[in-house]
Amino acid sequence: QVLLVESGGGLVQPGGSLRLSCAASGFTFSNYAMSWYRQAPGKDRELVASISRYGDIINYADSVKGRFTISRDNVKNTVNLQMNSLKPEDTAVYYCQRVGYWGKGTLVTVSS
């Protein structure tokens, strides 16, 4: 059974940082690229960042380049998203994704 469980969301002030983590289980983690998506209220879900199986290919949405960093640990079966210089427009539910599967999401709220 594939499980993706996100953690690390919360309320943060503009300019602050958060680190999201996704714990994966039920499949051979190193065989799959992983991604983080987000969905803001009233908007479509969008890709934030993706990382290849061994971390050698990484892509970011233009809106987060230079502020967010995706990483993975193929021993711990986790994929992380370090988010710095957060803006109110980063407020969204953040989802961990593997092809065919989604986590339940973790809410990030950026507000003063």
N, C-alpha and C. Protein backbone atom coordinates (compact mmCIF):
# COMPACT_ATOMS: atom_id res chain seq x y z
N GLN A 1 0.85 -1.19 0.00
CA GLN A 1 0.00 0.00 0.00
C GLN A 1 0.89 1.24 0.00
N VAL A 2 0.74 2.05 -1.03
CA VAL A 2 1.52 3.27 -1.12
C VAL A 2 0.95 4.32 -0.17
N LEU A 3 1.83 4.88 0.63
CA LEU A 3 1.44 5.96 1.54
C LEU A 3 2.41 7.11 1.39
N LEU A 4 1.87 8.31 1.33
CA LEU A 4 2.66 9.54 1.33
C LEU A 4 2.09 10.43 2.43
N VAL A 5 2.90 10.74 3.43
CA VAL A 5 2.42 11.49 4.58
C VAL A 5 3.25 12.76 4.74
N GLU A 6 2.59 13.89 4.54
CA GLU A 6 3.27 15.18 4.67
C GLU A 6 3.24 15.69 6.10
N SER A 7 4.24 16.47 6.44
CA SER A 7 4.29 17.13 7.74
C SER A 7 5.08 18.42 7.62
N GLY A 8 4.95 19.27 8.63
CA GLY A 8 5.78 20.47 8.69
C GLY A 8 5.07 21.76 8.35
N GLY A 9 3.80 21.69 7.96
CA GLY A 9 3.07 22.91 7.66
C GLY A 9 2.76 23.69 8.91
N GLY A 10 2.25 24.90 8.70
CA GLY A 10 1.88 25.73 9.84
C GLY A 10 1.74 27.18 9.44
N LEU A 11 1.66 28.02 10.45
CA LEU A 11 1.53 29.47 10.25
C LEU A 11 2.90 30.11 10.39
N VAL A 12 3.26 30.95 9.44
CA VAL A 12 4.56 31.63 9.47
C VAL A 12 4.38 33.05 8.96
N GLN A 13 5.18 33.95 9.47
CA GLN A 13 5.12 35.33 9.03
C GLN A 13 5.81 35.50 7.68
N PRO A 14 5.42 36.51 6.91
CA PRO A 14 6.13 36.78 5.66
C PRO A 14 7.63 36.95 5.91
N GLY A 15 8.41 36.35 5.02
CA GLY A 15 9.86 36.36 5.18
C GLY A 15 10.40 35.20 5.96
N GLY A 16 9.52 34.44 6.58
CA GLY A 16 9.95 33.31 7.38
C GLY A 16 10.22 32.05 6.56
N SER A 17 10.51 30.98 7.29
CA SER A 17 10.87 29.71 6.65
C SER A 17 10.07 28.56 7.26
N LEU A 18 9.87 27.55 6.44
CA LEU A 18 9.29 26.29 6.89
C LEU A 18 9.98 25.16 6.12
N ARG A 19 10.01 23.99 6.74
CA ARG A 19 10.54 22.81 6.06
C ARG A 19 9.46 21.74 6.07
N LEU A 20 9.01 21.37 4.89
CA LEU A 20 8.03 20.30 4.75
C LEU A 20 8.75 18.99 4.51
N SER A 21 8.15 17.93 5.02
CA SER A 21 8.70 16.60 4.81
C SER A 21 7.58 15.67 4.38
N CYS A 22 7.94 14.71 3.55
CA CYS A 22 6.99 13.70 3.09
C CYS A 22 7.63 12.34 3.34
N ALA A 23 6.97 11.54 4.16
CA ALA A 23 7.43 10.18 4.43
C ALA A 23 6.70 9.23 3.51
N ALA A 24 7.47 8.46 2.75
CA ALA A 24 6.90 7.54 1.76
C ALA A 24 7.07 6.10 2.22
N SER A 25 6.09 5.28 1.90
CA SER A 25 6.18 3.87 2.23
C SER A 25 5.33 3.07 1.26
N GLY A 26 5.59 1.77 1.21
CA GLY A 26 4.79 0.88 0.39
C GLY A 26 5.29 0.71 -1.03
N PHE A 27 6.45 1.29 -1.34
CA PHE A 27 7.02 1.11 -2.67
C PHE A 27 8.53 1.37 -2.58
N THR A 28 9.23 1.02 -3.64
CA THR A 28 10.68 1.24 -3.68
C THR A 28 10.93 2.70 -4.03
N PHE A 29 11.21 3.46 -3.00
CA PHE A 29 11.26 4.92 -3.11
C PHE A 29 12.24 5.39 -4.18
N SER A 30 13.40 4.79 -4.24
CA SER A 30 14.43 5.26 -5.17
C SER A 30 14.10 4.98 -6.63
N ASN A 31 13.01 4.28 -6.89
CA ASN A 31 12.60 4.01 -8.27
C ASN A 31 11.74 5.11 -8.88
N TYR A 32 11.39 6.11 -8.07
CA TYR A 32 10.42 7.10 -8.53
C TYR A 32 10.88 8.53 -8.32
N ALA A 33 10.62 9.36 -9.33
CA ALA A 33 10.71 10.79 -9.13
C ALA A 33 9.60 11.21 -8.17
N MET A 34 9.84 12.28 -7.45
CA MET A 34 8.87 12.79 -6.49
C MET A 34 8.65 14.28 -6.73
N SER A 35 7.49 14.73 -6.33
CA SER A 35 7.15 16.14 -6.55
C SER A 35 6.39 16.71 -5.37
N TRP A 36 6.44 18.03 -5.26
CA TRP A 36 5.58 18.79 -4.37
C TRP A 36 4.67 19.66 -5.24
N TYR A 37 3.39 19.63 -4.92
CA TYR A 37 2.39 20.48 -5.54
C TYR A 37 1.77 21.35 -4.44
N ARG A 38 1.07 22.36 -4.86
CA ARG A 38 0.29 23.15 -3.90
C ARG A 38 -1.01 23.61 -4.55
N GLN A 39 -1.97 23.85 -3.67
CA GLN A 39 -3.26 24.36 -4.13
C GLN A 39 -3.72 25.45 -3.18
N ALA A 40 -3.79 26.65 -3.70
CA ALA A 40 -4.27 27.79 -2.93
C ALA A 40 -5.79 27.86 -3.04
N PRO A 41 -6.44 28.51 -2.08
CA PRO A 41 -7.90 28.61 -2.11
C PRO A 41 -8.39 29.20 -3.42
N GLY A 42 -9.32 28.50 -4.06
CA GLY A 42 -9.91 29.01 -5.29
C GLY A 42 -9.05 28.87 -6.52
N LYS A 43 -7.91 28.20 -6.39
CA LYS A 43 -7.00 28.06 -7.53
C LYS A 43 -6.76 26.58 -7.86
N ASP A 44 -6.24 26.35 -9.05
CA ASP A 44 -5.89 24.99 -9.44
C ASP A 44 -4.63 24.53 -8.73
N ARG A 45 -4.50 23.23 -8.61
CA ARG A 45 -3.28 22.67 -8.05
C ARG A 45 -2.12 22.92 -9.02
N GLU A 46 -0.97 23.31 -8.49
CA GLU A 46 0.17 23.60 -9.36
C GLU A 46 1.43 22.90 -8.87
N LEU A 47 2.29 22.59 -9.81
CA LEU A 47 3.57 21.97 -9.48
C LEU A 47 4.49 23.01 -8.86
N VAL A 48 5.09 22.66 -7.74
CA VAL A 48 6.04 23.54 -7.06
C VAL A 48 7.48 23.13 -7.38
N ALA A 49 7.76 21.85 -7.23
CA ALA A 49 9.12 21.36 -7.46
C ALA A 49 9.09 19.86 -7.68
N SER A 50 10.05 19.38 -8.45
CA SER A 50 10.16 17.94 -8.67
C SER A 50 11.63 17.54 -8.60
N ILE A 51 11.85 16.28 -8.26
CA ILE A 51 13.21 15.76 -8.12
C ILE A 51 13.25 14.35 -8.68
N SER A 52 14.27 14.06 -9.45
CA SER A 52 14.40 12.76 -10.08
C SER A 52 14.77 11.69 -9.05
N ARG A 53 14.84 10.47 -9.52
CA ARG A 53 15.06 9.33 -8.63
C ARG A 53 16.28 9.49 -7.74
N TYR A 54 17.36 9.98 -8.31
CA TYR A 54 18.60 10.11 -7.53
C TYR A 54 18.96 11.55 -7.26
N GLY A 55 18.03 12.44 -7.51
CA GLY A 55 18.23 13.84 -7.16
C GLY A 55 19.08 14.63 -8.13
N ASP A 56 19.37 14.08 -9.29
CA ASP A 56 20.25 14.77 -10.22
C ASP A 56 19.51 15.73 -11.14
N ILE A 57 18.21 15.58 -11.22
CA ILE A 57 17.41 16.49 -12.04
C ILE A 57 16.34 17.10 -11.15
N ILE A 58 16.37 18.42 -11.05
CA ILE A 58 15.44 19.16 -10.18
C ILE A 58 14.83 20.29 -10.99
N ASN A 59 13.54 20.47 -10.80
CA ASN A 59 12.83 21.56 -11.46
C ASN A 59 11.97 22.32 -10.45
N TYR A 60 11.86 23.60 -10.67
CA TYR A 60 11.06 24.47 -9.80
C TYR A 60 10.11 25.32 -10.64
N ALA A 61 8.98 25.62 -10.03
CA ALA A 61 8.11 26.65 -10.60
C ALA A 61 8.84 27.98 -10.54
N ASP A 62 8.61 28.81 -11.53
CA ASP A 62 9.28 30.12 -11.55
C ASP A 62 9.00 30.92 -10.28
N SER A 63 7.82 30.75 -9.75
CA SER A 63 7.40 31.54 -8.59
C SER A 63 8.18 31.21 -7.31
N VAL A 64 8.87 30.06 -7.29
CA VAL A 64 9.58 29.67 -6.07
C VAL A 64 11.08 29.56 -6.27
N LYS A 65 11.55 29.72 -7.49
CA LYS A 65 12.99 29.60 -7.77
C LYS A 65 13.79 30.56 -6.90
N GLY A 66 14.85 30.05 -6.32
CA GLY A 66 15.71 30.86 -5.46
C GLY A 66 15.24 30.95 -4.03
N ARG A 67 14.03 30.47 -3.75
CA ARG A 67 13.48 30.53 -2.38
C ARG A 67 13.24 29.14 -1.81
N PHE A 68 12.85 28.20 -2.64
CA PHE A 68 12.52 26.84 -2.19
C PHE A 68 13.60 25.87 -2.67
N THR A 69 13.83 24.84 -1.87
CA THR A 69 14.79 23.79 -2.23
C THR A 69 14.17 22.43 -1.94
N ILE A 70 14.13 21.60 -2.98
CA ILE A 70 13.63 20.23 -2.82
C ILE A 70 14.83 19.30 -2.65
N SER A 71 14.66 18.29 -1.82
CA SER A 71 15.72 17.30 -1.61
C SER A 71 15.07 15.97 -1.26
N ARG A 72 15.85 14.91 -1.35
CA ARG A 72 15.33 13.59 -1.00
C ARG A 72 16.40 12.78 -0.30
N ASP A 73 15.93 11.81 0.49
CA ASP A 73 16.82 10.88 1.17
C ASP A 73 16.32 9.48 0.84
N ASN A 74 17.05 8.79 -0.01
CA ASN A 74 16.61 7.46 -0.46
C ASN A 74 16.88 6.37 0.56
N VAL A 75 17.49 6.71 1.66
CA VAL A 75 17.65 5.76 2.77
C VAL A 75 16.46 5.90 3.73
N LYS A 76 16.12 7.13 4.03
CA LYS A 76 15.00 7.39 4.94
C LYS A 76 13.65 7.40 4.23
N ASN A 77 13.66 7.36 2.89
CA ASN A 77 12.43 7.40 2.09
C ASN A 77 11.63 8.67 2.36
N THR A 78 12.33 9.78 2.31
CA THR A 78 11.67 11.07 2.51
C THR A 78 12.01 12.03 1.39
N VAL A 79 11.10 12.93 1.13
CA VAL A 79 11.36 14.05 0.23
C VAL A 79 10.97 15.31 0.98
N ASN A 80 11.83 16.30 0.91
CA ASN A 80 11.67 17.50 1.72
C ASN A 80 11.56 18.75 0.83
N LEU A 81 10.94 19.77 1.39
CA LEU A 81 10.85 21.05 0.71
C LEU A 81 11.20 22.14 1.71
N GLN A 82 12.36 22.71 1.55
CA GLN A 82 12.78 23.83 2.38
C GLN A 82 12.26 25.12 1.73
N MET A 83 11.47 25.86 2.48
CA MET A 83 10.84 27.06 1.94
C MET A 83 11.34 28.28 2.73
N ASN A 84 12.03 29.15 2.04
CA ASN A 84 12.56 30.38 2.66
C ASN A 84 11.91 31.60 2.04
N SER A 85 12.06 32.71 2.70
CA SER A 85 11.52 33.99 2.21
C SER A 85 10.06 33.84 1.79
N LEU A 86 9.30 33.26 2.66
CA LEU A 86 7.90 32.97 2.32
C LEU A 86 7.09 34.24 2.15
N LYS A 87 6.13 34.15 1.22
CA LYS A 87 5.26 35.28 0.89
C LYS A 87 3.82 34.87 1.14
N PRO A 88 2.95 35.85 1.34
CA PRO A 88 1.53 35.50 1.53
C PRO A 88 0.97 34.66 0.37
N GLU A 89 1.46 34.89 -0.83
CA GLU A 89 0.96 34.12 -1.98
C GLU A 89 1.45 32.67 -1.99
N ASP A 90 2.31 32.31 -1.06
CA ASP A 90 2.70 30.90 -0.90
C ASP A 90 1.70 30.13 -0.05
N THR A 91 0.73 30.82 0.51
CA THR A 91 -0.29 30.16 1.30
C THR A 91 -1.06 29.15 0.46
N ALA A 92 -1.08 27.90 0.92
CA ALA A 92 -1.71 26.83 0.15
C ALA A 92 -1.63 25.54 0.95
N VAL A 93 -2.36 24.55 0.48
CA VAL A 93 -2.14 23.18 0.94
C VAL A 93 -1.06 22.58 0.03
N TYR A 94 -0.04 22.03 0.65
CA TYR A 94 1.09 21.45 -0.08
C TYR A 94 0.97 19.93 -0.08
N TYR A 95 1.12 19.37 -1.26
CA TYR A 95 0.94 17.93 -1.44
C TYR A 95 2.22 17.27 -1.95
N CYS A 96 2.51 16.13 -1.40
CA CYS A 96 3.58 15.26 -1.89
C CYS A 96 2.98 14.34 -2.96
N GLN A 97 3.72 14.11 -4.04
CA GLN A 97 3.18 13.34 -5.14
C GLN A 97 4.20 12.41 -5.74
N ARG A 98 3.71 11.20 -6.01
CA ARG A 98 4.43 10.23 -6.82
C ARG A 98 3.47 9.84 -7.93
N VAL A 99 3.97 9.41 -9.05
CA VAL A 99 3.08 9.09 -10.16
C VAL A 99 1.97 8.17 -9.68
N GLY A 100 0.74 8.61 -9.82
CA GLY A 100 -0.42 7.84 -9.45
C GLY A 100 -0.89 7.98 -8.01
N TYR A 101 -0.11 8.69 -7.18
CA TYR A 101 -0.46 8.78 -5.77
C TYR A 101 -0.22 10.19 -5.23
N TRP A 102 -1.07 10.56 -4.26
CA TRP A 102 -0.97 11.85 -3.59
C TRP A 102 -1.05 11.65 -2.09
N GLY A 103 -0.35 12.51 -1.36
CA GLY A 103 -0.59 12.59 0.07
C GLY A 103 -1.84 13.40 0.34
N LYS A 104 -2.17 13.52 1.64
CA LYS A 104 -3.37 14.27 2.01
C LYS A 104 -3.12 15.77 2.14
N GLY A 105 -1.86 16.15 2.16
CA GLY A 105 -1.52 17.55 2.17
C GLY A 105 -1.25 18.11 3.55
N THR A 106 -0.51 19.22 3.57
CA THR A 106 -0.25 19.95 4.80
C THR A 106 -0.42 21.43 4.50
N LEU A 107 -1.11 22.13 5.40
CA LEU A 107 -1.46 23.53 5.16
C LEU A 107 -0.32 24.45 5.56
N VAL A 108 0.04 25.34 4.66
CA VAL A 108 1.00 26.40 4.93
C VAL A 108 0.28 27.73 4.82
N THR A 109 0.34 28.51 5.88
CA THR A 109 -0.28 29.82 5.90
C THR A 109 0.78 30.86 6.18
N VAL A 110 0.92 31.81 5.27
CA VAL A 110 1.91 32.88 5.42
C VAL A 110 1.13 34.17 5.67
N SER A 111 1.22 34.65 6.89
CA SER A 111 0.44 35.82 7.27
C SER A 111 1.06 36.49 8.48
N SER A 112 0.89 37.80 8.53
CA SER A 112 1.35 38.54 9.70
C SER A 112 0.22 38.71 10.70
